[in-house]
Amino acid sequence: ILAWIPRAESAGSRAAQPSAMSSIPAITWDWGPAWGPAGRPARRPAKLAASIRELGQITAIQVRPCGDRYELISGRRRVLALRLLGRDYARADIITADDLTAELTRLTENLQRANLTPWEEALACRRLRDDCGLDIEATAKRCAKSVGWTTLRLQMTEWPRDMIERVQ
């Protein structure tokens, strides 16, 4: 039996609210907005696929209802890994989230990955600040980084193009 265990959230924080956990067919998923540099191919998660083959899908993807389909909120690499394995279903948390909360969730999950380039980190920080309306302290908290680190990443987004290309 699949069960959803809520994570503790601080009072007043924006958090996606759980509705249910289910195993949903891939045909009902929509990818949601793309994240990352334009034109960059998705990294093929071969190591993650090998782990899922051996241990099963440990962490559920997050989706939200979108008409008669579901929009993927988090778990893009897990979905790619499941597809590499030829799986048609994924274990999923079906959540209730407005557009802003969905975007905050996507950005936060992506910032927790270890293989982001400094430029990807900078773009995510800028989106948290500009698109989600977070101030520098809230952006730093979402990134689980210091205000100084976050400030430096935000400054990167204003560098000349040739400098940006060197860190990509």
N, C-alpha and C. Protein backbone atom coordinates (compact mmCIF):
# COMPACT_ATOMS: atom_id res chain seq x y z
N ILE A 1 0.86 -1.18 0.00
CA ILE A 1 0.00 0.00 0.00
C ILE A 1 0.89 1.23 0.00
N LEU A 2 0.59 2.16 -0.87
CA LEU A 2 1.35 3.40 -0.93
C LEU A 2 0.72 4.43 0.00
N ALA A 3 1.55 5.13 0.73
CA ALA A 3 1.05 6.15 1.64
C ALA A 3 1.88 7.41 1.48
N TRP A 4 1.25 8.55 1.61
CA TRP A 4 1.97 9.82 1.54
C TRP A 4 2.28 10.27 2.94
N ILE A 5 3.54 10.56 3.20
CA ILE A 5 3.96 11.05 4.51
C ILE A 5 4.31 12.51 4.36
N PRO A 6 3.56 13.42 4.98
CA PRO A 6 3.83 14.86 4.79
C PRO A 6 5.15 15.25 5.41
N ARG A 7 5.80 16.21 4.75
CA ARG A 7 7.03 16.78 5.28
C ARG A 7 6.67 17.97 6.14
N ALA A 8 7.43 18.19 7.19
CA ALA A 8 7.19 19.35 8.06
C ALA A 8 7.54 20.62 7.29
N GLU A 9 6.68 21.58 7.35
CA GLU A 9 6.91 22.88 6.71
C GLU A 9 6.77 23.94 7.78
N SER A 10 7.58 25.00 7.63
CA SER A 10 7.47 26.09 8.60
C SER A 10 6.17 26.85 8.38
N ALA A 11 5.67 27.44 9.42
CA ALA A 11 4.41 28.18 9.33
C ALA A 11 4.55 29.29 8.31
N GLY A 12 3.55 29.45 7.48
CA GLY A 12 3.52 30.52 6.50
C GLY A 12 4.29 30.21 5.23
N SER A 13 4.91 29.04 5.11
CA SER A 13 5.66 28.73 3.90
C SER A 13 4.69 28.27 2.81
N ARG A 14 5.12 28.47 1.57
CA ARG A 14 4.33 27.97 0.44
C ARG A 14 4.71 26.52 0.27
N ALA A 15 3.76 25.65 0.38
CA ALA A 15 4.03 24.23 0.21
C ALA A 15 2.91 23.61 -0.60
N ALA A 16 3.30 22.72 -1.51
CA ALA A 16 2.29 21.99 -2.25
C ALA A 16 1.55 21.09 -1.28
N GLN A 17 0.26 21.05 -1.39
CA GLN A 17 -0.55 20.27 -0.47
C GLN A 17 -0.83 18.90 -1.09
N PRO A 18 -0.60 17.83 -0.32
CA PRO A 18 -0.82 16.49 -0.85
C PRO A 18 -2.30 16.22 -1.02
N SER A 19 -2.61 15.51 -2.08
CA SER A 19 -3.97 15.04 -2.27
C SER A 19 -4.01 13.54 -2.15
N ALA A 20 -3.11 12.86 -2.86
CA ALA A 20 -3.12 11.41 -2.87
C ALA A 20 -1.82 10.90 -3.44
N MET A 21 -1.54 9.64 -3.21
CA MET A 21 -0.43 8.99 -3.88
C MET A 21 -1.02 7.90 -4.73
N SER A 22 -0.47 7.74 -5.91
CA SER A 22 -1.02 6.78 -6.83
C SER A 22 0.08 6.31 -7.77
N SER A 23 -0.22 5.31 -8.53
CA SER A 23 0.64 4.89 -9.63
C SER A 23 -0.11 5.29 -10.88
N ILE A 24 0.48 6.23 -11.63
CA ILE A 24 -0.26 6.78 -12.76
C ILE A 24 0.45 6.43 -14.07
N PRO A 25 -0.33 6.21 -15.13
CA PRO A 25 0.25 5.84 -16.41
C PRO A 25 0.94 7.04 -17.08
N ALA A 26 2.04 6.77 -17.76
CA ALA A 26 2.82 7.81 -18.42
C ALA A 26 2.01 8.57 -19.46
N ILE A 27 1.05 7.94 -20.06
CA ILE A 27 0.27 8.60 -21.11
C ILE A 27 -0.51 9.80 -20.58
N THR A 28 -0.68 9.90 -19.27
CA THR A 28 -1.45 11.01 -18.71
C THR A 28 -0.58 12.15 -18.21
N TRP A 29 0.76 12.10 -18.41
CA TRP A 29 1.64 13.14 -17.90
C TRP A 29 1.92 14.19 -18.95
N ASP A 30 1.98 15.43 -18.53
CA ASP A 30 2.52 16.52 -19.34
C ASP A 30 3.76 17.00 -18.61
N TRP A 31 4.79 17.37 -19.34
CA TRP A 31 6.08 17.71 -18.73
C TRP A 31 6.08 18.98 -17.92
N GLY A 32 5.18 19.90 -18.17
CA GLY A 32 5.25 21.18 -17.48
C GLY A 32 6.34 22.03 -18.10
N PRO A 33 6.54 23.24 -17.60
CA PRO A 33 7.54 24.13 -18.19
C PRO A 33 8.94 23.53 -18.10
N ALA A 34 9.70 23.74 -19.17
CA ALA A 34 11.08 23.25 -19.20
C ALA A 34 11.93 24.06 -18.25
N TRP A 35 12.97 23.44 -17.73
CA TRP A 35 13.89 24.13 -16.85
C TRP A 35 15.29 23.91 -17.37
N GLY A 36 16.13 24.94 -17.31
CA GLY A 36 17.52 24.81 -17.71
C GLY A 36 17.79 25.62 -18.96
N PRO A 37 19.04 25.67 -19.36
CA PRO A 37 19.41 26.44 -20.54
C PRO A 37 18.69 25.95 -21.78
N ALA A 38 18.25 26.86 -22.60
CA ALA A 38 17.52 26.51 -23.82
C ALA A 38 18.43 25.69 -24.73
N GLY A 39 17.85 24.70 -25.36
CA GLY A 39 18.57 23.90 -26.33
C GLY A 39 19.48 22.84 -25.73
N ARG A 40 19.59 22.77 -24.44
CA ARG A 40 20.46 21.77 -23.82
C ARG A 40 19.72 20.45 -23.72
N PRO A 41 20.29 19.38 -24.26
CA PRO A 41 19.59 18.10 -24.18
C PRO A 41 19.49 17.62 -22.74
N ALA A 42 18.42 16.92 -22.46
CA ALA A 42 18.24 16.37 -21.12
C ALA A 42 19.34 15.35 -20.84
N ARG A 43 19.88 15.39 -19.64
CA ARG A 43 20.89 14.41 -19.26
C ARG A 43 20.22 13.05 -19.12
N ARG A 44 20.83 12.05 -19.70
CA ARG A 44 20.26 10.71 -19.62
C ARG A 44 20.65 10.10 -18.28
N PRO A 45 19.72 9.84 -17.46
CA PRO A 45 20.00 9.38 -16.10
C PRO A 45 20.25 7.88 -16.02
N ALA A 46 21.31 7.41 -16.66
CA ALA A 46 21.59 5.97 -16.70
C ALA A 46 21.85 5.41 -15.29
N LYS A 47 22.57 6.15 -14.45
CA LYS A 47 22.85 5.67 -13.10
C LYS A 47 21.56 5.57 -12.29
N LEU A 48 20.70 6.55 -12.45
CA LEU A 48 19.42 6.52 -11.74
C LEU A 48 18.58 5.35 -12.24
N ALA A 49 18.58 5.11 -13.55
CA ALA A 49 17.84 3.97 -14.09
C ALA A 49 18.35 2.66 -13.52
N ALA A 50 19.66 2.52 -13.40
CA ALA A 50 20.24 1.30 -12.83
C ALA A 50 19.81 1.13 -11.38
N SER A 51 19.77 2.23 -10.64
CA SER A 51 19.33 2.19 -9.25
C SER A 51 17.86 1.79 -9.15
N ILE A 52 17.03 2.35 -10.01
CA ILE A 52 15.60 2.01 -10.00
C ILE A 52 15.41 0.56 -10.40
N ARG A 53 16.19 0.06 -11.35
CA ARG A 53 16.08 -1.34 -11.74
C ARG A 53 16.40 -2.25 -10.55
N GLU A 54 17.41 -1.87 -9.77
CA GLU A 54 17.83 -2.70 -8.64
C GLU A 54 16.93 -2.56 -7.42
N LEU A 55 16.58 -1.31 -7.08
CA LEU A 55 15.89 -1.04 -5.81
C LEU A 55 14.42 -0.66 -5.96
N GLY A 56 14.00 -0.35 -7.17
CA GLY A 56 12.66 0.16 -7.39
C GLY A 56 12.65 1.68 -7.29
N GLN A 57 11.52 2.28 -7.57
CA GLN A 57 11.37 3.73 -7.50
C GLN A 57 11.19 4.12 -6.04
N ILE A 58 12.23 4.65 -5.44
CA ILE A 58 12.20 4.98 -4.01
C ILE A 58 11.41 6.26 -3.76
N THR A 59 11.64 7.27 -4.58
CA THR A 59 11.01 8.57 -4.38
C THR A 59 9.94 8.79 -5.45
N ALA A 60 8.76 9.16 -5.02
CA ALA A 60 7.66 9.42 -5.96
C ALA A 60 7.91 10.72 -6.72
N ILE A 61 7.41 10.78 -7.95
CA ILE A 61 7.38 12.05 -8.67
C ILE A 61 6.22 12.86 -8.10
N GLN A 62 6.20 14.16 -8.37
CA GLN A 62 5.07 15.00 -7.96
C GLN A 62 4.38 15.51 -9.21
N VAL A 63 3.07 15.36 -9.23
CA VAL A 63 2.25 15.86 -10.33
C VAL A 63 1.07 16.62 -9.75
N ARG A 64 0.47 17.45 -10.59
CA ARG A 64 -0.77 18.10 -10.17
C ARG A 64 -1.80 17.89 -11.28
N PRO A 65 -3.06 17.80 -10.90
CA PRO A 65 -4.10 17.63 -11.91
C PRO A 65 -4.12 18.80 -12.87
N CYS A 66 -4.31 18.49 -14.14
CA CYS A 66 -4.39 19.51 -15.19
C CYS A 66 -5.41 18.99 -16.20
N GLY A 67 -6.69 19.33 -15.98
CA GLY A 67 -7.75 18.76 -16.80
C GLY A 67 -7.87 17.27 -16.52
N ASP A 68 -7.85 16.47 -17.60
CA ASP A 68 -7.91 15.01 -17.42
C ASP A 68 -6.52 14.38 -17.46
N ARG A 69 -5.49 15.22 -17.33
CA ARG A 69 -4.11 14.77 -17.33
C ARG A 69 -3.42 15.26 -16.07
N TYR A 70 -2.11 15.02 -15.96
CA TYR A 70 -1.31 15.49 -14.83
C TYR A 70 -0.11 16.24 -15.36
N GLU A 71 0.24 17.33 -14.70
CA GLU A 71 1.43 18.10 -15.03
C GLU A 71 2.55 17.69 -14.08
N LEU A 72 3.71 17.35 -14.63
CA LEU A 72 4.85 16.97 -13.81
C LEU A 72 5.40 18.20 -13.10
N ILE A 73 5.49 18.12 -11.78
CA ILE A 73 6.02 19.21 -10.97
C ILE A 73 7.47 18.92 -10.62
N SER A 74 7.75 17.73 -10.12
CA SER A 74 9.13 17.36 -9.82
C SER A 74 9.32 15.88 -10.11
N GLY A 75 10.56 15.54 -10.46
CA GLY A 75 10.88 14.15 -10.76
C GLY A 75 11.19 13.90 -12.22
N ARG A 76 11.58 14.93 -12.94
CA ARG A 76 11.87 14.79 -14.38
C ARG A 76 12.93 13.71 -14.63
N ARG A 77 14.01 13.70 -13.85
CA ARG A 77 15.05 12.69 -14.04
C ARG A 77 14.53 11.29 -13.73
N ARG A 78 13.67 11.17 -12.71
CA ARG A 78 13.08 9.87 -12.40
C ARG A 78 12.21 9.39 -13.56
N VAL A 79 11.45 10.31 -14.15
CA VAL A 79 10.61 9.94 -15.30
C VAL A 79 11.48 9.48 -16.47
N LEU A 80 12.56 10.21 -16.75
CA LEU A 80 13.46 9.82 -17.84
C LEU A 80 14.08 8.45 -17.56
N ALA A 81 14.46 8.21 -16.30
CA ALA A 81 15.03 6.91 -15.93
C ALA A 81 14.00 5.79 -16.11
N LEU A 82 12.77 6.05 -15.68
CA LEU A 82 11.71 5.04 -15.85
C LEU A 82 11.47 4.76 -17.33
N ARG A 83 11.52 5.79 -18.15
CA ARG A 83 11.34 5.58 -19.59
C ARG A 83 12.49 4.76 -20.18
N LEU A 84 13.72 5.02 -19.70
CA LEU A 84 14.86 4.21 -20.15
C LEU A 84 14.64 2.74 -19.85
N LEU A 85 13.96 2.47 -18.75
CA LEU A 85 13.68 1.09 -18.34
C LEU A 85 12.43 0.52 -19.01
N GLY A 86 11.76 1.35 -19.82
CA GLY A 86 10.56 0.90 -20.51
C GLY A 86 9.33 0.82 -19.61
N ARG A 87 9.37 1.52 -18.49
CA ARG A 87 8.23 1.51 -17.56
C ARG A 87 7.14 2.47 -18.05
N ASP A 88 5.92 2.06 -17.91
CA ASP A 88 4.77 2.86 -18.33
C ASP A 88 4.09 3.58 -17.18
N TYR A 89 4.47 3.26 -15.95
CA TYR A 89 3.85 3.85 -14.77
C TYR A 89 4.93 4.40 -13.85
N ALA A 90 4.54 5.39 -13.05
CA ALA A 90 5.43 5.92 -12.03
C ALA A 90 4.63 6.10 -10.75
N ARG A 91 5.29 5.87 -9.63
CA ARG A 91 4.68 6.17 -8.34
C ARG A 91 4.69 7.69 -8.22
N ALA A 92 3.54 8.27 -7.89
CA ALA A 92 3.41 9.72 -7.92
C ALA A 92 2.62 10.25 -6.74
N ASP A 93 3.07 11.39 -6.21
CA ASP A 93 2.27 12.18 -5.28
C ASP A 93 1.43 13.10 -6.14
N ILE A 94 0.14 13.04 -6.00
CA ILE A 94 -0.75 13.95 -6.71
C ILE A 94 -1.03 15.09 -5.74
N ILE A 95 -0.56 16.29 -6.09
CA ILE A 95 -0.61 17.42 -5.17
C ILE A 95 -1.52 18.52 -5.70
N THR A 96 -1.91 19.39 -4.79
CA THR A 96 -2.64 20.59 -5.14
C THR A 96 -1.66 21.74 -5.02
N ALA A 97 -1.40 22.43 -6.11
CA ALA A 97 -0.43 23.53 -6.10
C ALA A 97 -0.83 24.55 -7.15
N ASP A 98 -0.76 25.83 -6.77
CA ASP A 98 -0.98 26.88 -7.77
C ASP A 98 0.29 27.01 -8.61
N ASP A 99 0.26 27.86 -9.64
CA ASP A 99 1.39 28.00 -10.55
C ASP A 99 2.66 28.42 -9.83
N LEU A 100 2.56 29.37 -8.92
CA LEU A 100 3.74 29.85 -8.21
C LEU A 100 4.34 28.75 -7.33
N THR A 101 3.52 28.04 -6.61
CA THR A 101 4.01 26.96 -5.76
C THR A 101 4.64 25.85 -6.60
N ALA A 102 4.04 25.54 -7.74
CA ALA A 102 4.61 24.53 -8.64
C ALA A 102 6.00 24.97 -9.13
N GLU A 103 6.13 26.22 -9.50
CA GLU A 103 7.42 26.73 -9.96
C GLU A 103 8.45 26.73 -8.83
N LEU A 104 8.05 27.15 -7.65
CA LEU A 104 8.96 27.11 -6.49
C LEU A 104 9.43 25.68 -6.22
N THR A 105 8.54 24.74 -6.32
CA THR A 105 8.89 23.34 -6.09
C THR A 105 9.87 22.85 -7.14
N ARG A 106 9.61 23.17 -8.41
CA ARG A 106 10.52 22.76 -9.50
C ARG A 106 11.92 23.33 -9.28
N LEU A 107 11.99 24.63 -9.04
CA LEU A 107 13.29 25.28 -8.88
C LEU A 107 14.03 24.76 -7.66
N THR A 108 13.32 24.57 -6.57
CA THR A 108 13.97 24.07 -5.35
C THR A 108 14.53 22.67 -5.57
N GLU A 109 13.76 21.80 -6.20
CA GLU A 109 14.26 20.45 -6.46
C GLU A 109 15.49 20.49 -7.35
N ASN A 110 15.45 21.30 -8.39
CA ASN A 110 16.59 21.36 -9.30
C ASN A 110 17.83 21.94 -8.62
N LEU A 111 17.66 22.89 -7.74
CA LEU A 111 18.81 23.46 -7.04
C LEU A 111 19.46 22.48 -6.08
N GLN A 112 18.75 21.45 -5.68
CA GLN A 112 19.32 20.47 -4.77
C GLN A 112 20.17 19.42 -5.48
N ARG A 113 20.11 19.41 -6.81
CA ARG A 113 20.93 18.45 -7.56
C ARG A 113 22.40 18.84 -7.49
N ALA A 114 23.26 17.88 -7.49
CA ALA A 114 24.70 18.13 -7.35
C ALA A 114 25.36 18.46 -8.67
N ASN A 115 24.75 18.15 -9.79
CA ASN A 115 25.44 18.30 -11.07
C ASN A 115 25.04 19.54 -11.86
N LEU A 116 24.56 20.56 -11.18
CA LEU A 116 24.25 21.81 -11.87
C LEU A 116 25.52 22.60 -12.13
N THR A 117 25.55 23.30 -13.25
CA THR A 117 26.66 24.21 -13.50
C THR A 117 26.41 25.49 -12.71
N PRO A 118 27.46 26.29 -12.46
CA PRO A 118 27.23 27.57 -11.79
C PRO A 118 26.22 28.45 -12.54
N TRP A 119 26.23 28.39 -13.85
CA TRP A 119 25.29 29.18 -14.64
C TRP A 119 23.85 28.72 -14.41
N GLU A 120 23.62 27.41 -14.35
CA GLU A 120 22.27 26.90 -14.07
C GLU A 120 21.82 27.34 -12.68
N GLU A 121 22.73 27.31 -11.71
CA GLU A 121 22.40 27.78 -10.37
C GLU A 121 22.03 29.26 -10.40
N ALA A 122 22.80 30.04 -11.17
CA ALA A 122 22.53 31.47 -11.27
C ALA A 122 21.16 31.74 -11.88
N LEU A 123 20.83 31.01 -12.95
CA LEU A 123 19.52 31.19 -13.60
C LEU A 123 18.38 30.82 -12.66
N ALA A 124 18.57 29.74 -11.90
CA ALA A 124 17.52 29.33 -10.96
C ALA A 124 17.33 30.37 -9.87
N CYS A 125 18.42 30.92 -9.36
CA CYS A 125 18.31 31.98 -8.34
C CYS A 125 17.58 33.19 -8.91
N ARG A 126 17.91 33.56 -10.14
CA ARG A 126 17.24 34.71 -10.76
C ARG A 126 15.75 34.45 -10.93
N ARG A 127 15.39 33.21 -11.33
CA ARG A 127 13.97 32.89 -11.50
C ARG A 127 13.24 32.91 -10.16
N LEU A 128 13.91 32.43 -9.11
CA LEU A 128 13.28 32.49 -7.79
C LEU A 128 13.04 33.95 -7.39
N ARG A 129 14.00 34.80 -7.67
CA ARG A 129 13.87 36.21 -7.31
C ARG A 129 12.85 36.92 -8.21
N ASP A 130 13.05 36.80 -9.51
CA ASP A 130 12.25 37.59 -10.45
C ASP A 130 10.86 36.99 -10.72
N ASP A 131 10.80 35.70 -11.01
CA ASP A 131 9.53 35.08 -11.38
C ASP A 131 8.66 34.73 -10.18
N CYS A 132 9.31 34.37 -9.07
CA CYS A 132 8.56 33.94 -7.89
C CYS A 132 8.46 35.03 -6.83
N GLY A 133 9.16 36.14 -7.04
CA GLY A 133 9.04 37.28 -6.13
C GLY A 133 9.72 37.12 -4.79
N LEU A 134 10.72 36.25 -4.71
CA LEU A 134 11.41 36.06 -3.44
C LEU A 134 12.51 37.11 -3.27
N ASP A 135 12.71 37.55 -2.03
CA ASP A 135 13.83 38.45 -1.78
C ASP A 135 15.10 37.61 -1.64
N ILE A 136 16.23 38.27 -1.43
CA ILE A 136 17.51 37.57 -1.41
C ILE A 136 17.59 36.54 -0.28
N GLU A 137 17.05 36.86 0.89
CA GLU A 137 17.09 35.92 2.01
C GLU A 137 16.23 34.69 1.73
N ALA A 138 15.04 34.90 1.20
CA ALA A 138 14.16 33.77 0.88
C ALA A 138 14.74 32.92 -0.25
N THR A 139 15.37 33.58 -1.22
CA THR A 139 16.02 32.85 -2.31
C THR A 139 17.14 31.99 -1.75
N ALA A 140 17.97 32.57 -0.87
CA ALA A 140 19.07 31.82 -0.26
C ALA A 140 18.54 30.63 0.52
N LYS A 141 17.46 30.83 1.25
CA LYS A 141 16.88 29.74 2.05
C LYS A 141 16.39 28.62 1.13
N ARG A 142 15.72 28.97 0.03
CA ARG A 142 15.24 27.96 -0.92
C ARG A 142 16.40 27.19 -1.53
N CYS A 143 17.53 27.88 -1.73
CA CYS A 143 18.71 27.24 -2.32
C CYS A 143 19.51 26.45 -1.30
N ALA A 144 19.17 26.63 -0.01
CA ALA A 144 19.95 26.04 1.09
C ALA A 144 21.39 26.51 1.03
N LYS A 145 21.54 27.79 0.72
CA LYS A 145 22.87 28.42 0.60
C LYS A 145 22.87 29.71 1.39
N SER A 146 24.05 30.29 1.52
CA SER A 146 24.17 31.56 2.22
C SER A 146 23.68 32.71 1.34
N VAL A 147 23.40 33.83 1.98
CA VAL A 147 23.02 35.04 1.24
C VAL A 147 24.18 35.46 0.32
N GLY A 148 25.42 35.32 0.81
CA GLY A 148 26.58 35.67 -0.01
C GLY A 148 26.68 34.83 -1.27
N TRP A 149 26.50 33.51 -1.14
CA TRP A 149 26.53 32.61 -2.31
C TRP A 149 25.44 33.01 -3.30
N THR A 150 24.25 33.25 -2.77
CA THR A 150 23.11 33.60 -3.63
C THR A 150 23.35 34.93 -4.33
N THR A 151 23.90 35.91 -3.62
CA THR A 151 24.20 37.21 -4.23
C THR A 151 25.19 37.05 -5.37
N LEU A 152 26.22 36.23 -5.17
CA LEU A 152 27.21 36.00 -6.24
C LEU A 152 26.57 35.35 -7.45
N ARG A 153 25.69 34.37 -7.22
CA ARG A 153 25.01 33.72 -8.35
C ARG A 153 24.12 34.71 -9.10
N LEU A 154 23.42 35.56 -8.36
CA LEU A 154 22.58 36.56 -9.02
C LEU A 154 23.43 37.55 -9.82
N GLN A 155 24.59 37.90 -9.31
CA GLN A 155 25.49 38.81 -10.04
C GLN A 155 25.98 38.18 -11.33
N MET A 156 26.14 36.86 -11.34
CA MET A 156 26.59 36.16 -12.56
C MET A 156 25.65 36.41 -13.73
N THR A 157 24.36 36.57 -13.46
CA THR A 157 23.39 36.72 -14.55
C THR A 157 23.55 38.06 -15.27
N GLU A 158 24.36 38.94 -14.73
CA GLU A 158 24.60 40.23 -15.36
C GLU A 158 25.98 40.32 -15.99
N TRP A 159 26.73 39.23 -15.98
CA TRP A 159 28.06 39.21 -16.60
C TRP A 159 27.95 39.34 -18.12
N PRO A 160 29.04 39.75 -18.77
CA PRO A 160 29.08 39.75 -20.24
C PRO A 160 28.98 38.32 -20.78
N ARG A 161 28.46 38.18 -21.97
CA ARG A 161 28.20 36.88 -22.60
C ARG A 161 29.44 35.98 -22.62
N ASP A 162 30.62 36.53 -22.94
CA ASP A 162 31.82 35.69 -23.03
C ASP A 162 32.19 35.08 -21.68
N MET A 163 31.96 35.79 -20.60
CA MET A 163 32.24 35.25 -19.27
C MET A 163 31.23 34.15 -18.92
N ILE A 164 30.00 34.36 -19.31
CA ILE A 164 28.95 33.37 -19.05
C ILE A 164 29.29 32.06 -19.77
N GLU A 165 29.74 32.16 -21.02
CA GLU A 165 30.07 30.96 -21.81
C GLU A 165 31.19 30.16 -21.16
N ARG A 166 32.09 30.80 -20.45
CA ARG A 166 33.20 30.11 -19.79
C ARG A 166 32.74 29.25 -18.61
N VAL A 167 31.65 29.63 -17.97
CA VAL A 167 31.19 28.87 -16.80
C VAL A 167 30.08 27.88 -17.12
N GLN A 168 29.63 27.86 -18.36
CA GLN A 168 28.55 26.92 -18.73
C GLN A 168 29.09 25.52 -18.88
